[in-house]
Protein backbone atom coordinates (compact mmCIF):
# COMPACT_ATOMS: atom_id res chain seq x y z
CA UNK A 1 -16.11 -14.22 -14.21
CA UNK A 2 -18.36 -11.81 -12.48
CA UNK A 3 -19.19 -12.77 -8.57
CA UNK A 4 -22.76 -13.72 -7.66
CA UNK A 5 -24.50 -10.76 -6.38
CA UNK A 6 -25.61 -12.00 -3.18
CA UNK A 7 -22.28 -13.47 -2.04
CA UNK A 8 -20.56 -10.34 -3.67
CA UNK A 9 -22.54 -8.03 -1.21
CA UNK A 10 -22.31 -10.26 1.82
CA UNK A 11 -18.76 -10.79 1.41
CA UNK A 12 -18.08 -7.13 0.77
CA UNK A 13 -19.99 -5.97 3.69
CA UNK A 14 -18.39 -8.30 5.89
CA UNK A 15 -14.90 -7.25 4.70
CA UNK A 16 -15.63 -3.76 5.27
CA UNK A 17 -16.96 -4.16 8.92
CA UNK A 18 -13.86 -6.49 9.95
CA UNK A 19 -11.68 -3.92 8.37
CA UNK A 20 -13.14 -0.92 10.17
CA UNK A 21 -13.25 -2.98 13.47
CA UNK A 22 -9.60 -4.00 12.89
CA UNK A 23 -8.50 -0.45 12.20
CA UNK A 24 -10.14 1.12 15.11
CA UNK A 25 -8.58 -1.36 17.40
CA UNK A 26 -5.12 -1.91 15.97
CA UNK A 27 -4.58 1.38 14.74
CA UNK A 28 -6.41 3.84 16.38
CA UNK A 29 -6.69 1.99 19.80
CA UNK A 30 -10.66 3.11 19.78
CA UNK A 31 -12.61 -0.43 19.37
CA UNK A 32 -15.91 -0.02 17.83
CA UNK A 33 -16.99 -3.92 18.78
CA UNK A 34 -16.55 -6.56 21.15
CA UNK A 35 -13.61 -8.83 20.70
CA UNK A 36 -16.27 -11.65 20.22
CA UNK A 37 -18.17 -9.86 17.80
CA UNK A 38 -15.00 -9.38 15.48
CA UNK A 39 -14.04 -12.93 15.85
CA UNK A 40 -17.59 -14.25 14.72
CA UNK A 41 -17.37 -11.80 11.72
CA UNK A 42 -13.88 -12.48 10.88
CA UNK A 43 -14.49 -16.33 10.70
CA UNK A 44 -17.30 -15.68 8.27
CA UNK A 45 -15.08 -14.01 5.67
CA UNK A 46 -13.73 -16.27 2.70
CA UNK A 47 -11.07 -14.68 1.04
CA UNK A 48 -11.26 -16.79 -1.92
CA UNK A 49 -14.85 -15.34 -2.81
CA UNK A 50 -14.50 -12.49 -5.58
CA UNK A 51 -16.24 -9.52 -4.57
CA UNK A 52 -15.59 -7.57 -8.00
CA UNK A 53 -12.79 -5.38 -6.41
CA UNK A 54 -9.81 -7.01 -7.70
CA UNK A 55 -7.36 -4.92 -5.33
CA UNK A 56 -9.42 -5.90 -2.10
CA UNK A 57 -9.76 -9.50 -3.14
CA UNK A 58 -6.05 -9.75 -3.73
CA UNK A 59 -5.22 -8.29 -0.21
CA UNK A 60 -7.69 -10.48 1.49
CA UNK A 61 -6.36 -13.24 -0.32
CA UNK A 62 -2.91 -12.62 0.57
CA UNK A 63 -2.79 -11.04 4.12
CA UNK A 64 -6.13 -11.69 5.93
CA UNK A 65 -5.94 -13.68 9.09
CA UNK A 66 -9.14 -14.22 10.88
CA UNK A 67 -7.56 -14.84 14.04
CA UNK A 68 -5.99 -11.35 14.55
CA UNK A 69 -6.28 -7.78 13.42
CA UNK A 70 -2.29 -7.13 12.56
CA UNK A 71 -3.32 -7.63 8.75
CA UNK A 72 -4.96 -4.29 9.09
CA UNK A 73 -1.64 -2.43 8.98
CA UNK A 74 -1.14 -3.53 5.24
CA UNK A 75 -4.68 -2.65 4.09
CA UNK A 76 -4.50 -0.71 0.71
CA UNK A 77 -7.36 1.75 1.81
CA UNK A 78 -6.31 3.06 5.20
CA UNK A 79 -7.40 6.72 4.42
CA UNK A 80 -10.85 5.49 3.56
CA UNK A 81 -11.20 3.50 6.76
CA UNK A 82 -10.11 6.45 8.63
CA UNK A 83 -12.71 8.72 7.11
CA UNK A 84 -15.72 6.28 7.35
CA UNK A 85 -14.62 5.55 11.14
CA UNK A 86 -14.26 9.53 12.12
CA UNK A 87 -17.61 9.98 10.12
CA UNK A 88 -19.84 7.37 11.61
CA UNK A 89 -17.91 5.89 14.91
CA UNK A 90 -15.57 7.79 16.69
CA UNK A 91 -15.21 11.48 17.60
CA UNK A 92 -12.63 12.80 15.65
CA UNK A 93 -9.47 14.41 17.73
CA UNK A 94 -10.32 18.16 18.65
CA UNK A 95 -8.20 20.67 17.34
CA UNK A 96 -7.54 24.01 18.65
CA UNK A 97 -5.68 26.95 17.43
CA UNK A 98 -2.35 27.93 18.52
CA UNK A 99 -0.18 30.66 17.50
CA UNK A 100 -2.02 30.88 14.16
CA UNK A 101 -1.90 26.99 13.69
CA UNK A 102 -4.13 24.12 14.31
CA UNK A 103 -2.67 21.65 16.38
CA UNK A 104 -4.45 18.32 17.99
CA UNK A 105 -5.03 18.26 21.87
């Protein structure tokens, strides 16, 4: 059964926003929103609703906990979250050339 478009979009956007915030805070230690904003968004997520992405629907149903961000460590799209965060929210670590190799500062 295909999910309804309006709910599909709303739940997808909420899940992306909360995933980005949890990853930035829990993994990168660089928050992109306040704890209050995270809590407000997280409480609006309904893991039982389908979004059309079976992998993410299953992940949120099995792992998502609105009161913590620790679930993000099991997220199946961590590389995508990193890419979005460094592209739009967080300055990536600077790299400098050292002895013919790139290294992080």
